[in-house]
Amino acid sequence: MLRILLYALFFYFVYNFIVKVAFPVYRTTKQVKKQFSDMKQQFQQSEQQQRPEQAAASTPPLKKEPAAGEYIDFEEVR
């Protein structure tokens, strides 16, 4: 009789632990991973949309090389 009562209490505590701790932790970690992957995907999409715009807008103008014999200012270093 005592053995059955102890088994019942053991299974009750194991069940409560699984239902109140293990399942919520599992669901929460699954939800957090999903949210992180969604945020990463959203960031990558916005980055891909901005790259072509930045490439077109940020093309540097061609630099003119100074002509031969042109005076170049400099400061004397002591």
N, C-alpha and C. Protein backbone atom coordinates (compact mmCIF):
# COMPACT_ATOMS: atom_id res chain seq x y z
N MET A 1 0.83 -1.19 0.00
CA MET A 1 0.00 0.00 0.00
C MET A 1 0.88 1.26 0.00
N LEU A 2 1.89 1.28 0.86
CA LEU A 2 2.79 2.42 0.94
C LEU A 2 3.58 2.58 -0.36
N ARG A 3 3.95 1.48 -0.95
CA ARG A 3 4.69 1.50 -2.21
C ARG A 3 3.84 2.12 -3.31
N ILE A 4 2.58 1.81 -3.38
CA ILE A 4 1.67 2.38 -4.39
C ILE A 4 1.51 3.87 -4.17
N LEU A 5 1.39 4.28 -2.91
CA LEU A 5 1.26 5.70 -2.57
C LEU A 5 2.53 6.46 -2.98
N LEU A 6 3.70 5.89 -2.74
CA LEU A 6 4.95 6.54 -3.13
C LEU A 6 5.08 6.64 -4.65
N TYR A 7 4.70 5.57 -5.35
CA TYR A 7 4.72 5.62 -6.81
C TYR A 7 3.75 6.69 -7.33
N ALA A 8 2.58 6.77 -6.73
CA ALA A 8 1.60 7.77 -7.15
C ALA A 8 2.15 9.17 -6.94
N LEU A 9 2.76 9.43 -5.77
CA LEU A 9 3.35 10.74 -5.50
C LEU A 9 4.49 11.04 -6.48
N PHE A 10 5.32 10.04 -6.73
CA PHE A 10 6.43 10.21 -7.67
C PHE A 10 5.92 10.60 -9.05
N PHE A 11 4.94 9.85 -9.55
CA PHE A 11 4.40 10.14 -10.89
C PHE A 11 3.67 11.48 -10.91
N TYR A 12 3.03 11.85 -9.79
CA TYR A 12 2.36 13.15 -9.70
C TYR A 12 3.39 14.28 -9.84
N PHE A 13 4.52 14.17 -9.11
CA PHE A 13 5.54 15.21 -9.18
C PHE A 13 6.22 15.24 -10.55
N VAL A 14 6.46 14.09 -11.12
CA VAL A 14 7.06 14.05 -12.45
C VAL A 14 6.11 14.69 -13.47
N TYR A 15 4.83 14.36 -13.40
CA TYR A 15 3.83 14.93 -14.30
C TYR A 15 3.76 16.45 -14.15
N ASN A 16 3.71 16.91 -12.89
CA ASN A 16 3.66 18.36 -12.65
C ASN A 16 4.91 19.05 -13.18
N PHE A 17 6.08 18.44 -12.99
CA PHE A 17 7.30 19.02 -13.49
C PHE A 17 7.27 19.14 -15.01
N ILE A 18 6.81 18.07 -15.66
CA ILE A 18 6.77 18.08 -17.13
C ILE A 18 5.77 19.12 -17.62
N VAL A 19 4.59 19.15 -17.02
CA VAL A 19 3.54 20.06 -17.49
C VAL A 19 3.84 21.51 -17.15
N LYS A 20 4.36 21.78 -15.96
CA LYS A 20 4.54 23.17 -15.52
C LYS A 20 5.92 23.75 -15.83
N VAL A 21 6.92 22.90 -16.11
CA VAL A 21 8.27 23.41 -16.35
C VAL A 21 8.77 23.03 -17.74
N ALA A 22 8.79 21.76 -18.05
CA ALA A 22 9.43 21.30 -19.29
C ALA A 22 8.69 21.79 -20.54
N PHE A 23 7.39 21.62 -20.59
CA PHE A 23 6.64 22.06 -21.78
C PHE A 23 6.71 23.58 -21.98
N PRO A 24 6.49 24.39 -20.94
CA PRO A 24 6.62 25.84 -21.16
C PRO A 24 8.01 26.26 -21.61
N VAL A 25 9.04 25.65 -21.05
CA VAL A 25 10.41 25.99 -21.47
C VAL A 25 10.60 25.60 -22.93
N TYR A 26 10.15 24.43 -23.31
CA TYR A 26 10.27 23.98 -24.70
C TYR A 26 9.53 24.91 -25.65
N ARG A 27 8.29 25.27 -25.30
CA ARG A 27 7.52 26.17 -26.17
C ARG A 27 8.15 27.55 -26.25
N THR A 28 8.65 28.04 -25.13
CA THR A 28 9.26 29.37 -25.11
C THR A 28 10.53 29.39 -25.97
N THR A 29 11.38 28.39 -25.82
CA THR A 29 12.60 28.37 -26.63
C THR A 29 12.28 28.23 -28.11
N LYS A 30 11.27 27.45 -28.43
CA LYS A 30 10.86 27.29 -29.82
C LYS A 30 10.35 28.63 -30.38
N GLN A 31 9.57 29.34 -29.58
CA GLN A 31 9.02 30.63 -30.00
C GLN A 31 10.13 31.67 -30.15
N VAL A 32 11.09 31.69 -29.23
CA VAL A 32 12.18 32.66 -29.30
C VAL A 32 13.05 32.38 -30.53
N LYS A 33 13.34 31.12 -30.80
CA LYS A 33 14.12 30.78 -31.99
C LYS A 33 13.41 31.23 -33.26
N LYS A 34 12.10 31.03 -33.30
CA LYS A 34 11.32 31.44 -34.47
C LYS A 34 11.37 32.96 -34.64
N GLN A 35 11.23 33.69 -33.53
CA GLN A 35 11.27 35.15 -33.61
C GLN A 35 12.64 35.64 -34.06
N PHE A 36 13.71 35.03 -33.56
CA PHE A 36 15.05 35.42 -33.99
C PHE A 36 15.26 35.15 -35.47
N SER A 37 14.79 33.99 -35.93
CA SER A 37 14.97 33.69 -37.36
C SER A 37 14.13 34.65 -38.21
N ASP A 38 12.93 35.01 -37.75
CA ASP A 38 12.11 35.98 -38.48
C ASP A 38 12.80 37.34 -38.53
N MET A 39 13.37 37.76 -37.40
CA MET A 39 14.07 39.05 -37.38
C MET A 39 15.29 39.03 -38.28
N LYS A 40 16.02 37.93 -38.29
CA LYS A 40 17.20 37.81 -39.14
C LYS A 40 16.80 37.88 -40.61
N GLN A 41 15.74 37.18 -40.96
CA GLN A 41 15.26 37.18 -42.34
C GLN A 41 14.80 38.58 -42.74
N GLN A 42 14.09 39.26 -41.85
CA GLN A 42 13.62 40.61 -42.13
C GLN A 42 14.82 41.56 -42.31
N PHE A 43 15.83 41.41 -41.47
CA PHE A 43 17.02 42.26 -41.58
C PHE A 43 17.73 42.02 -42.90
N GLN A 44 17.85 40.75 -43.29
CA GLN A 44 18.53 40.44 -44.55
C GLN A 44 17.75 40.99 -45.75
N GLN A 45 16.42 40.93 -45.69
CA GLN A 45 15.62 41.48 -46.78
C GLN A 45 15.80 42.99 -46.88
N SER A 46 15.77 43.68 -45.75
CA SER A 46 15.94 45.13 -45.79
C SER A 46 17.35 45.49 -46.25
N GLU A 47 18.34 44.68 -45.86
CA GLU A 47 19.70 44.94 -46.29
C GLU A 47 19.85 44.74 -47.80
N GLN A 48 19.20 43.73 -48.35
CA GLN A 48 19.26 43.49 -49.79
C GLN A 48 18.56 44.61 -50.56
N GLN A 49 17.51 45.16 -50.00
CA GLN A 49 16.81 46.26 -50.67
C GLN A 49 17.65 47.52 -50.65
N GLN A 50 18.43 47.73 -49.60
CA GLN A 50 19.23 48.95 -49.49
C GLN A 50 20.51 48.87 -50.30
N ARG A 51 21.05 47.70 -50.52
CA ARG A 51 22.32 47.57 -51.26
C ARG A 51 22.27 48.15 -52.66
N PRO A 52 21.29 47.80 -53.50
CA PRO A 52 21.27 48.40 -54.84
C PRO A 52 21.11 49.92 -54.79
N GLU A 53 20.32 50.42 -53.86
CA GLU A 53 20.14 51.87 -53.75
C GLU A 53 21.45 52.54 -53.33
N GLN A 54 22.16 51.94 -52.40
CA GLN A 54 23.42 52.51 -51.94
C GLN A 54 24.49 52.43 -53.01
N ALA A 55 24.51 51.35 -53.75
CA ALA A 55 25.52 51.19 -54.79
C ALA A 55 25.35 52.26 -55.87
N ALA A 56 24.12 52.55 -56.24
CA ALA A 56 23.86 53.56 -57.26
C ALA A 56 24.14 54.97 -56.71
N ALA A 57 23.81 55.20 -55.45
CA ALA A 57 23.95 56.53 -54.88
C ALA A 57 25.38 56.81 -54.43
N SER A 58 26.13 55.80 -54.11
CA SER A 58 27.45 56.05 -53.54
C SER A 58 28.59 55.78 -54.50
N THR A 59 28.35 55.84 -55.80
CA THR A 59 29.46 55.68 -56.73
C THR A 59 30.32 56.94 -56.65
N PRO A 60 31.56 56.79 -56.27
CA PRO A 60 32.41 57.97 -56.08
C PRO A 60 32.74 58.60 -57.43
N PRO A 61 32.83 59.92 -57.46
CA PRO A 61 33.20 60.60 -58.71
C PRO A 61 34.65 60.29 -59.05
N LEU A 62 34.96 60.29 -60.31
CA LEU A 62 36.31 59.99 -60.76
C LEU A 62 37.24 61.13 -60.35
N LYS A 63 38.39 60.77 -59.81
CA LYS A 63 39.36 61.77 -59.37
C LYS A 63 40.25 62.16 -60.54
N LYS A 64 40.48 63.45 -60.64
CA LYS A 64 41.41 63.92 -61.66
C LYS A 64 42.81 63.86 -61.10
N GLU A 65 43.69 63.32 -61.88
CA GLU A 65 45.08 63.30 -61.47
C GLU A 65 45.69 64.66 -61.83
N PRO A 66 46.52 65.17 -60.95
CA PRO A 66 47.09 66.49 -61.23
C PRO A 66 47.96 66.43 -62.49
N ALA A 67 47.85 67.47 -63.26
CA ALA A 67 48.64 67.55 -64.49
C ALA A 67 50.11 67.72 -64.13
N ALA A 68 50.97 67.28 -65.01
CA ALA A 68 52.42 67.40 -64.78
C ALA A 68 52.79 68.86 -64.68
N GLY A 69 53.58 69.19 -63.69
CA GLY A 69 54.04 70.55 -63.52
C GLY A 69 53.10 71.39 -62.69
N GLU A 70 52.02 70.84 -62.22
CA GLU A 70 51.08 71.60 -61.40
C GLU A 70 51.63 71.69 -59.98
N TYR A 71 51.46 72.86 -59.37
CA TYR A 71 51.99 73.10 -58.04
C TYR A 71 51.12 72.38 -57.01
N ILE A 72 51.76 71.67 -56.07
CA ILE A 72 51.06 70.97 -54.99
C ILE A 72 51.50 71.59 -53.68
N ASP A 73 50.53 72.05 -52.89
CA ASP A 73 50.84 72.65 -51.60
C ASP A 73 51.35 71.58 -50.64
N PHE A 74 52.30 71.98 -49.82
CA PHE A 74 52.77 71.08 -48.77
C PHE A 74 53.25 71.92 -47.60
N GLU A 75 53.26 71.31 -46.44
CA GLU A 75 53.77 71.99 -45.26
C GLU A 75 55.10 71.37 -44.89
N GLU A 76 56.01 72.24 -44.48
CA GLU A 76 57.32 71.75 -44.11
C GLU A 76 57.24 71.11 -42.73
N VAL A 77 57.81 69.92 -42.61
CA VAL A 77 57.80 69.20 -41.35
C VAL A 77 59.16 69.35 -40.71
N ARG A 78 59.22 69.75 -39.45
CA ARG A 78 60.50 69.91 -38.77
C ARG A 78 60.70 68.85 -37.75
